[in-house]
């Protein structure tokens, strides 16, 4: 009976996992998420090597994930700033003024 329960659980987990993987390809990971994943993995490896136990890996992973999130967030903000600057320059070239700016026109006499 135990084997039946174990095998049923394994089969069910495989079915649910493969169903979610198909939908995971449609989603994009944010810059913050990428930074947290990379930082957490790197921190866990370094913490595990330095601490020579699981506790060091957990602490290193947590610190690395936090640092990676911060770096990813700054990367996102810098990219968005560049995109806004490019948009403003293109708008200026086309219209002669920046967007949402008051344009003074001399009254005709």
C-alpha atoms as a PDB file:
ATOM      1  CA  UNK A   1       0.000   0.000   0.000  1.00  0.00           C
ATOM      2  CA  UNK A   2       2.880   2.369   0.800  1.00  0.00           C
ATOM      3  CA  UNK A   3       4.394   1.806  -2.634  1.00  0.00           C
ATOM      4  CA  UNK A   4       1.094   2.628  -4.310  1.00  0.00           C
ATOM      5  CA  UNK A   5       0.828   5.923  -2.412  1.00  0.00           C
ATOM      6  CA  UNK A   6       4.443   6.851  -3.160  1.00  0.00           C
ATOM      7  CA  UNK A   7       4.190   6.033  -6.865  1.00  0.00           C
ATOM      8  CA  UNK A   8       0.869   7.848  -7.164  1.00  0.00           C
ATOM      9  CA  UNK A   9       2.400  10.913  -5.504  1.00  0.00           C
ATOM     10  CA  UNK A  10       5.401  10.830  -7.835  1.00  0.00           C
ATOM     11  CA  UNK A  11       3.197  10.448 -10.911  1.00  0.00           C
ATOM     12  CA  UNK A  12       0.911  13.272  -9.797  1.00  0.00           C
ATOM     13  CA  UNK A  13       3.839  15.600  -9.103  1.00  0.00           C
ATOM     14  CA  UNK A  14       5.332  14.894 -12.537  1.00  0.00           C
ATOM     15  CA  UNK A  15       2.016  15.579 -14.239  1.00  0.00           C
ATOM     16  CA  UNK A  16       1.501  18.869 -12.411  1.00  0.00           C
ATOM     17  CA  UNK A  17       5.114  19.940 -12.933  1.00  0.00           C
ATOM     18  CA  UNK A  18       5.109  19.368 -16.690  1.00  0.00           C
ATOM     19  CA  UNK A  19       1.812  21.205 -17.023  1.00  0.00           C
ATOM     20  CA  UNK A  20       3.262  24.283 -15.335  1.00  0.00           C
ATOM     21  CA  UNK A  21       6.489  24.193 -17.355  1.00  0.00           C
ATOM     22  CA  UNK A  22       4.598  24.671 -20.599  1.00  0.00           C
ATOM     23  CA  UNK A  23       3.102  27.928 -19.311  1.00  0.00           C
ATOM     24  CA  UNK A  24       6.369  29.115 -17.775  1.00  0.00           C
ATOM     25  CA  UNK A  25       7.821  29.796 -21.213  1.00  0.00           C
ATOM     26  CA  UNK A  26       5.324  32.612 -21.797  1.00  0.00           C
ATOM     27  CA  UNK A  27       6.358  34.590 -18.722  1.00  0.00           C
ATOM     28  CA  UNK A  28       9.366  36.899 -18.613  1.00  0.00           C
ATOM     29  CA  UNK A  29      11.466  37.259 -15.508  1.00  0.00           C
ATOM     30  CA  UNK A  30      12.091  40.820 -14.382  1.00  0.00           C
ATOM     31  CA  UNK A  31      15.574  42.242 -13.956  1.00  0.00           C
ATOM     32  CA  UNK A  32      15.091  42.135 -10.189  1.00  0.00           C
ATOM     33  CA  UNK A  33      14.113  38.460 -10.368  1.00  0.00           C
ATOM     34  CA  UNK A  34      17.100  37.573 -12.520  1.00  0.00           C
ATOM     35  CA  UNK A  35      19.432  39.409 -10.167  1.00  0.00           C
ATOM     36  CA  UNK A  36      17.952  37.682  -7.123  1.00  0.00           C
ATOM     37  CA  UNK A  37      18.263  34.234  -8.713  1.00  0.00           C
ATOM     38  CA  UNK A  38      21.844  34.726  -9.848  1.00  0.00           C
ATOM     39  CA  UNK A  39      22.891  36.431  -6.606  1.00  0.00           C
ATOM     40  CA  UNK A  40      21.195  33.793  -4.464  1.00  0.00           C
ATOM     41  CA  UNK A  41      22.838  30.913  -6.316  1.00  0.00           C
ATOM     42  CA  UNK A  42      26.250  32.545  -6.231  1.00  0.00           C
ATOM     43  CA  UNK A  43      25.900  33.501  -2.583  1.00  0.00           C
ATOM     44  CA  UNK A  44      24.824  29.972  -1.643  1.00  0.00           C
ATOM     45  CA  UNK A  45      27.853  28.460  -3.375  1.00  0.00           C
ATOM     46  CA  UNK A  46      30.287  30.907  -1.810  1.00  0.00           C
ATOM     47  CA  UNK A  47      28.612  30.663   1.602  1.00  0.00           C
ATOM     48  CA  UNK A  48      28.667  26.866   1.461  1.00  0.00           C
ATOM     49  CA  UNK A  49      32.347  26.797   0.577  1.00  0.00           C
ATOM     50  CA  UNK A  50      33.330  29.415   3.140  1.00  0.00           C
ATOM     51  CA  UNK A  51      31.145  28.105   5.959  1.00  0.00           C
ATOM     52  CA  UNK A  52      31.638  24.420   5.119  1.00  0.00           C
ATOM     53  CA  UNK A  53      28.048  23.694   6.142  1.00  0.00           C
ATOM     54  CA  UNK A  54      24.433  24.260   5.175  1.00  0.00           C
ATOM     55  CA  UNK A  55      24.024  27.282   7.451  1.00  0.00           C
ATOM     56  CA  UNK A  56      26.710  29.183   5.577  1.00  0.00           C
ATOM     57  CA  UNK A  57      25.026  28.336   2.287  1.00  0.00           C
ATOM     58  CA  UNK A  58      21.657  29.584   3.545  1.00  0.00           C
ATOM     59  CA  UNK A  59      23.084  32.845   4.850  1.00  0.00           C
ATOM     60  CA  UNK A  60      25.148  33.362   1.692  1.00  0.00           C
ATOM     61  CA  UNK A  61      22.135  32.628  -0.486  1.00  0.00           C
ATOM     62  CA  UNK A  62      19.960  35.115   1.384  1.00  0.00           C
ATOM     63  CA  UNK A  63      22.575  37.862   1.256  1.00  0.00           C
ATOM     64  CA  UNK A  64      23.330  37.124  -2.395  1.00  0.00           C
ATOM     65  CA  UNK A  65      19.650  37.187  -3.332  1.00  0.00           C
ATOM     66  CA  UNK A  66      19.198  40.545  -1.619  1.00  0.00           C
ATOM     67  CA  UNK A  67      22.248  42.007  -3.311  1.00  0.00           C
ATOM     68  CA  UNK A  68      21.234  40.577  -6.673  1.00  0.00           C
ATOM     69  CA  UNK A  69      17.763  42.072  -6.325  1.00  0.00           C
ATOM     70  CA  UNK A  70      19.225  45.503  -5.629  1.00  0.00           C
ATOM     71  CA  UNK A  71      21.588  45.267  -8.610  1.00  0.00           C
ATOM     72  CA  UNK A  72      18.752  44.070 -10.858  1.00  0.00           C
ATOM     73  CA  UNK A  73      16.539  46.927  -9.713  1.00  0.00           C
ATOM     74  CA  UNK A  74      19.248  49.502 -10.478  1.00  0.00           C
ATOM     75  CA  UNK A  75      19.766  47.918 -13.913  1.00  0.00           C
ATOM     76  CA  UNK A  76      16.035  48.212 -14.635  1.00  0.00           C
ATOM     77  CA  UNK A  77      15.931  51.848 -13.542  1.00  0.00           C
ATOM     78  CA  UNK A  78      18.957  52.729 -15.703  1.00  0.00           C
ATOM     79  CA  UNK A  79      17.416  50.996 -18.745  1.00  0.00           C
ATOM     80  CA  UNK A  80      14.106  52.813 -18.270  1.00  0.00           C
ATOM     81  CA  UNK A  81      15.946  56.138 -17.913  1.00  0.00           C
ATOM     82  CA  UNK A  82      17.779  55.527 -21.209  1.00  0.00           C
ATOM     83  CA  UNK A  83      14.487  54.623 -22.911  1.00  0.00           C
ATOM     84  CA  UNK A  84      12.795  57.796 -21.622  1.00  0.00           C
ATOM     85  CA  UNK A  85      15.730  59.945 -22.786  1.00  0.00           C
ATOM     86  CA  UNK A  86      15.635  58.374 -26.260  1.00  0.00           C
ATOM     87  CA  UNK A  87      11.873  58.949 -26.472  1.00  0.00           C
ATOM     88  CA  UNK A  88      12.237  62.590 -25.427  1.00  0.00           C
ATOM     89  CA  UNK A  89      14.986  63.191 -28.016  1.00  0.00           C
ATOM     90  CA  UNK A  90      12.944  61.607 -30.814  1.00  0.00           C
ATOM     91  CA  UNK A  91       9.903  63.654 -29.776  1.00  0.00           C
ATOM     92  CA  UNK A  92      11.991  66.848 -29.733  1.00  0.00           C
ATOM     93  CA  UNK A  93      13.381  66.182 -33.213  1.00  0.00           C
ATOM     94  CA  UNK A  94       9.892  65.627 -34.594  1.00  0.00           C
ATOM     95  CA  UNK A  95       7.907  68.381 -32.808  1.00  0.00           C
ATOM     96  CA  UNK A  96      10.516  70.975 -31.820  1.00  0.00           C
ATOM     97  CA  UNK A  97       9.705  70.761 -28.098  1.00  0.00           C
ATOM     98  CA  UNK A  98       9.791  68.167 -25.380  1.00  0.00           C
ATOM     99  CA  UNK A  99       6.621  66.244 -24.459  1.00  0.00           C
ATOM    100  CA  UNK A 100       4.296  67.744 -21.836  1.00  0.00           C
ATOM    101  CA  UNK A 101       6.112  71.061 -22.080  1.00  0.00           C
ATOM    102  CA  UNK A 102       4.380  74.405 -22.426  1.00  0.00           C
ATOM    103  CA  UNK A 103       5.004  75.872 -25.851  1.00  0.00           C
ATOM    104  CA  UNK A 104       4.967  79.652 -25.987  1.00  0.00           C
ATOM    105  CA  UNK A 105       3.696  81.136 -29.211  1.00  0.00           C
ATOM    106  CA  UNK A 106       4.048  84.883 -29.745  1.00  0.00           C
ATOM    107  CA  UNK A 107       0.697  86.524 -30.341  1.00  0.00           C
ATOM    108  CA  UNK A 108       0.230  87.898 -33.837  1.00  0.00           C
ATOM    109  CA  UNK A 109      -0.223  91.683 -34.132  1.00  0.00           C
END
